[in-house]
Amino acid sequence: MDRAEQAVCLFQKGYNCAQAILAVWCERFGLLQETAVKLAGGLGGGIGRNGEICGALTGAVLVLGLRYGTADPLDKNTKYDLYRRTRELMHRFKDHAGSLYCRQLLGFDMATPEGLAASQKPGAFDECPQFVRIAAELLDKMLE
């Protein structure tokens, strides 16, 4: 099973989209899976179900940080390189998914009472596995 399939499986088991992405790569970069899923717990649904940036994308950005980030606040070259990679990932995701925003990808906004009601209906998140897959495949290519 490739990483994209692993991420989709984790999402389908109940992890949010960001958790599913981060959980697949975390141990490769020295982060325990339990810690990773806790860390990404609030990012689902466009950060706390606010419909903002897709959780699969934010999970992928966290992985980029694990791979290309720095702990040195004075290392501006590494910081700016990570920003560049993050922008590249965001542009690619938007090209493949059609939007960066959860509310646009799903067609409802969970930050509104109407959207919250829509999110409770069966099938409300049936589109999400494809966004998890897109983020995972793009991430895989960027980490090669």
C-alpha atoms as a PDB file:
ATOM      1  CA  MET A   1       0.000   0.000   0.000  1.00  0.00           C
ATOM      2  CA  ASP A   2       1.485   3.361  -0.977  1.00  0.00           C
ATOM      3  CA  ARG A   3       1.452   6.402   1.310  1.00  0.00           C
ATOM      4  CA  ALA A   4      -1.570   7.992  -0.362  1.00  0.00           C
ATOM      5  CA  GLU A   5      -3.581   4.822   0.180  1.00  0.00           C
ATOM      6  CA  GLN A   6      -2.369   4.651   3.790  1.00  0.00           C
ATOM      7  CA  ALA A   7      -3.525   8.228   4.385  1.00  0.00           C
ATOM      8  CA  VAL A   8      -6.933   7.566   2.821  1.00  0.00           C
ATOM      9  CA  CYS A   9      -7.321   4.436   4.975  1.00  0.00           C
ATOM     10  CA  LEU A  10      -6.495   6.405   8.123  1.00  0.00           C
ATOM     11  CA  PHE A  11      -9.035   9.055   7.152  1.00  0.00           C
ATOM     12  CA  GLN A  12     -11.667   6.404   6.567  1.00  0.00           C
ATOM     13  CA  LYS A  13     -10.898   4.916  10.000  1.00  0.00           C
ATOM     14  CA  GLY A  14     -11.866   8.214  11.625  1.00  0.00           C
ATOM     15  CA  TYR A  15      -8.771  10.388  11.706  1.00  0.00           C
ATOM     16  CA  ASN A  16      -9.297  13.879  10.355  1.00  0.00           C
ATOM     17  CA  CYS A  17      -7.652  14.794   7.054  1.00  0.00           C
ATOM     18  CA  ALA A  18      -4.614  16.500   8.624  1.00  0.00           C
ATOM     19  CA  GLN A  19      -4.061  13.650  11.059  1.00  0.00           C
ATOM     20  CA  ALA A  20      -4.248  11.105   8.237  1.00  0.00           C
ATOM     21  CA  ILE A  21      -1.504  12.890   6.297  1.00  0.00           C
ATOM     22  CA  LEU A  22       0.827  13.591   9.208  1.00  0.00           C
ATOM     23  CA  ALA A  23       0.421  10.087  10.656  1.00  0.00           C
ATOM     24  CA  VAL A  24       1.770   8.480   7.484  1.00  0.00           C
ATOM     25  CA  TRP A  25       5.043  10.445   7.447  1.00  0.00           C
ATOM     26  CA  CYS A  26       5.673  11.405  11.068  1.00  0.00           C
ATOM     27  CA  GLU A  27       7.827   8.482  12.160  1.00  0.00           C
ATOM     28  CA  ARG A  28      10.047   8.923   9.099  1.00  0.00           C
ATOM     29  CA  PHE A  29      11.041  12.261  10.623  1.00  0.00           C
ATOM     30  CA  GLY A  30      11.292  11.171  14.250  1.00  0.00           C
ATOM     31  CA  LEU A  31       7.823  12.127  15.461  1.00  0.00           C
ATOM     32  CA  LEU A  32       5.752   9.509  17.252  1.00  0.00           C
ATOM     33  CA  GLN A  33       2.410   8.790  15.601  1.00  0.00           C
ATOM     34  CA  GLU A  34       0.518   9.400  18.847  1.00  0.00           C
ATOM     35  CA  THR A  35       2.099  12.843  19.116  1.00  0.00           C
ATOM     36  CA  ALA A  36       1.472  13.564  15.433  1.00  0.00           C
ATOM     37  CA  VAL A  37      -2.246  12.821  15.557  1.00  0.00           C
ATOM     38  CA  LYS A  38      -2.611  14.933  18.687  1.00  0.00           C
ATOM     39  CA  LEU A  39      -0.688  17.772  17.035  1.00  0.00           C
ATOM     40  CA  ALA A  40      -2.915  17.710  13.939  1.00  0.00           C
ATOM     41  CA  GLY A  41      -6.144  17.125  15.855  1.00  0.00           C
ATOM     42  CA  GLY A  42      -7.431  20.685  15.559  1.00  0.00           C
ATOM     43  CA  LEU A  43      -6.668  21.112  11.867  1.00  0.00           C
ATOM     44  CA  GLY A  44      -9.536  19.067  10.391  1.00  0.00           C
ATOM     45  CA  GLY A  45     -12.408  20.728   8.606  1.00  0.00           C
ATOM     46  CA  GLY A  46     -10.319  23.697   7.608  1.00  0.00           C
ATOM     47  CA  ILE A  47      -8.864  24.290  11.097  1.00  0.00           C
ATOM     48  CA  GLY A  48     -11.401  23.505  13.773  1.00  0.00           C
ATOM     49  CA  ARG A  49     -14.171  22.989  11.222  1.00  0.00           C
ATOM     50  CA  ASN A  50     -13.988  26.645  10.214  1.00  0.00           C
ATOM     51  CA  GLY A  51     -13.861  25.857   6.492  1.00  0.00           C
ATOM     52  CA  GLU A  52     -10.485  27.486   6.000  1.00  0.00           C
ATOM     53  CA  ILE A  53      -7.405  25.808   4.444  1.00  0.00           C
ATOM     54  CA  CYS A  54      -8.055  22.103   3.806  1.00  0.00           C
ATOM     55  CA  GLY A  55      -6.770  19.930   6.634  1.00  0.00           C
ATOM     56  CA  ALA A  56      -5.091  17.520   4.228  1.00  0.00           C
ATOM     57  CA  LEU A  57      -3.060  20.450   2.940  1.00  0.00           C
ATOM     58  CA  THR A  58      -2.183  21.735   6.407  1.00  0.00           C
ATOM     59  CA  GLY A  59      -1.109  18.236   7.397  1.00  0.00           C
ATOM     60  CA  ALA A  60       1.138  18.139   4.343  1.00  0.00           C
ATOM     61  CA  VAL A  61       2.633  21.517   5.285  1.00  0.00           C
ATOM     62  CA  LEU A  62       3.499  20.097   8.709  1.00  0.00           C
ATOM     63  CA  VAL A  63       5.322  17.231   7.004  1.00  0.00           C
ATOM     64  CA  LEU A  64       7.241  19.687   4.822  1.00  0.00           C
ATOM     65  CA  GLY A  65       8.270  21.433   8.045  1.00  0.00           C
ATOM     66  CA  LEU A  66       9.496  18.161   9.515  1.00  0.00           C
ATOM     67  CA  ARG A  67      11.563  17.482   6.404  1.00  0.00           C
ATOM     68  CA  TYR A  68      12.779  20.919   5.355  1.00  0.00           C
ATOM     69  CA  GLY A  69      12.306  23.113   8.444  1.00  0.00           C
ATOM     70  CA  THR A  70      14.832  24.381  10.924  1.00  0.00           C
ATOM     71  CA  ALA A  71      14.877  24.836  14.670  1.00  0.00           C
ATOM     72  CA  ASP A  72      17.329  27.730  14.309  1.00  0.00           C
ATOM     73  CA  PRO A  73      15.413  31.035  14.271  1.00  0.00           C
ATOM     74  CA  LEU A  74      18.362  32.738  12.569  1.00  0.00           C
ATOM     75  CA  ASP A  75      18.531  30.289   9.650  1.00  0.00           C
ATOM     76  CA  LYS A  76      16.666  32.463   7.188  1.00  0.00           C
ATOM     77  CA  ASN A  77      17.758  30.482   4.125  1.00  0.00           C
ATOM     78  CA  THR A  78      16.111  27.323   5.397  1.00  0.00           C
ATOM     79  CA  LYS A  79      13.049  29.259   6.555  1.00  0.00           C
ATOM     80  CA  TYR A  80      12.601  30.901   3.152  1.00  0.00           C
ATOM     81  CA  ASP A  81      13.190  27.622   1.338  1.00  0.00           C
ATOM     82  CA  LEU A  82      10.402  26.041   3.397  1.00  0.00           C
ATOM     83  CA  TYR A  83       8.118  28.973   2.569  1.00  0.00           C
ATOM     84  CA  ARG A  84       8.875  28.443  -1.125  1.00  0.00           C
ATOM     85  CA  ARG A  85       8.111  24.720  -0.889  1.00  0.00           C
ATOM     86  CA  THR A  86       4.906  25.465   1.017  1.00  0.00           C
ATOM     87  CA  ARG A  87       3.737  27.900  -1.673  1.00  0.00           C
ATOM     88  CA  GLU A  88       4.569  25.330  -4.341  1.00  0.00           C
ATOM     89  CA  LEU A  89       2.532  22.673  -2.532  1.00  0.00           C
ATOM     90  CA  MET A  90      -0.389  25.070  -2.138  1.00  0.00           C
ATOM     91  CA  HIS A  91      -0.365  26.008  -5.831  1.00  0.00           C
ATOM     92  CA  ARG A  92      -0.207  22.367  -6.895  1.00  0.00           C
ATOM     93  CA  PHE A  93      -2.998  21.390  -4.502  1.00  0.00           C
ATOM     94  CA  LYS A  94      -5.234  24.178  -5.796  1.00  0.00           C
ATOM     95  CA  ASP A  95      -4.519  23.140  -9.389  1.00  0.00           C
ATOM     96  CA  HIS A  96      -5.536  19.544  -8.630  1.00  0.00           C
ATOM     97  CA  ALA A  97      -8.372  20.059  -6.135  1.00  0.00           C
ATOM     98  CA  GLY A  98      -9.818  23.336  -7.412  1.00  0.00           C
ATOM     99  CA  SER A  99      -9.507  25.271  -4.149  1.00  0.00           C
ATOM    100  CA  LEU A 100      -7.473  25.534  -0.968  1.00  0.00           C
ATOM    101  CA  TYR A 101     -10.529  26.051   1.221  1.00  0.00           C
ATOM    102  CA  CYS A 102     -12.479  23.289   2.912  1.00  0.00           C
ATOM    103  CA  ARG A 103     -15.793  25.150   2.573  1.00  0.00           C
ATOM    104  CA  GLN A 104     -15.343  25.426  -1.193  1.00  0.00           C
ATOM    105  CA  LEU A 105     -14.128  21.853  -1.593  1.00  0.00           C
ATOM    106  CA  LEU A 106     -17.078  20.457   0.360  1.00  0.00           C
ATOM    107  CA  GLY A 107     -19.721  22.887  -0.852  1.00  0.00           C
ATOM    108  CA  PHE A 108     -20.818  23.910   2.645  1.00  0.00           C
ATOM    109  CA  ASP A 109     -19.352  25.978   5.473  1.00  0.00           C
ATOM    110  CA  MET A 110     -19.265  24.252   8.859  1.00  0.00           C
ATOM    111  CA  ALA A 111     -18.732  27.640  10.515  1.00  0.00           C
ATOM    112  CA  THR A 112     -22.400  28.453   9.811  1.00  0.00           C
ATOM    113  CA  PRO A 113     -25.438  26.787  11.361  1.00  0.00           C
ATOM    114  CA  GLU A 114     -26.596  25.630   7.910  1.00  0.00           C
ATOM    115  CA  GLY A 115     -23.199  24.210   7.055  1.00  0.00           C
ATOM    116  CA  LEU A 116     -22.904  22.492  10.401  1.00  0.00           C
ATOM    117  CA  ALA A 117     -26.271  20.835   9.755  1.00  0.00           C
ATOM    118  CA  ALA A 118     -25.082  19.793   6.273  1.00  0.00           C
ATOM    119  CA  SER A 119     -21.955  18.266   7.801  1.00  0.00           C
ATOM    120  CA  GLN A 120     -24.101  15.930   9.896  1.00  0.00           C
ATOM    121  CA  LYS A 121     -25.792  14.371   6.862  1.00  0.00           C
ATOM    122  CA  PRO A 122     -24.625  10.998   5.534  1.00  0.00           C
ATOM    123  CA  GLY A 123     -22.063  11.411   2.781  1.00  0.00           C
ATOM    124  CA  ALA A 124     -21.140  14.968   3.752  1.00  0.00           C
ATOM    125  CA  PHE A 125     -17.438  14.130   3.644  1.00  0.00           C
ATOM    126  CA  ASP A 126     -17.463  11.655   0.765  1.00  0.00           C
ATOM    127  CA  GLU A 127     -15.248  14.003  -1.264  1.00  0.00           C
ATOM    128  CA  CYS A 128     -12.545  14.218   1.399  1.00  0.00           C
ATOM    129  CA  PRO A 129     -10.636  11.030   0.541  1.00  0.00           C
ATOM    130  CA  GLN A 130      -9.781  12.477  -2.856  1.00  0.00           C
ATOM    131  CA  PHE A 131      -8.322  15.598  -1.202  1.00  0.00           C
ATOM    132  CA  VAL A 132      -6.333  13.451   1.218  1.00  0.00           C
ATOM    133  CA  ARG A 133      -5.057  11.467  -1.766  1.00  0.00           C
ATOM    134  CA  ILE A 134      -4.136  14.616  -3.706  1.00  0.00           C
ATOM    135  CA  ALA A 135      -2.214  16.074  -0.751  1.00  0.00           C
ATOM    136  CA  ALA A 136      -0.438  12.770  -0.090  1.00  0.00           C
ATOM    137  CA  GLU A 137       0.576  12.260  -3.724  1.00  0.00           C
ATOM    138  CA  LEU A 138       1.850  15.823  -4.059  1.00  0.00           C
ATOM    139  CA  LEU A 139       3.752  15.497  -0.815  1.00  0.00           C
ATOM    140  CA  ASP A 140       5.299  12.222  -1.916  1.00  0.00           C
ATOM    141  CA  LYS A 141       6.593  13.893  -5.093  1.00  0.00           C
ATOM    142  CA  MET A 142       7.984  16.850  -3.173  1.00  0.00           C
ATOM    143  CA  LEU A 143       9.830  14.614  -0.728  1.00  0.00           C
ATOM    144  CA  GLU A 144      11.535  12.517  -3.422  1.00  0.00           C
END
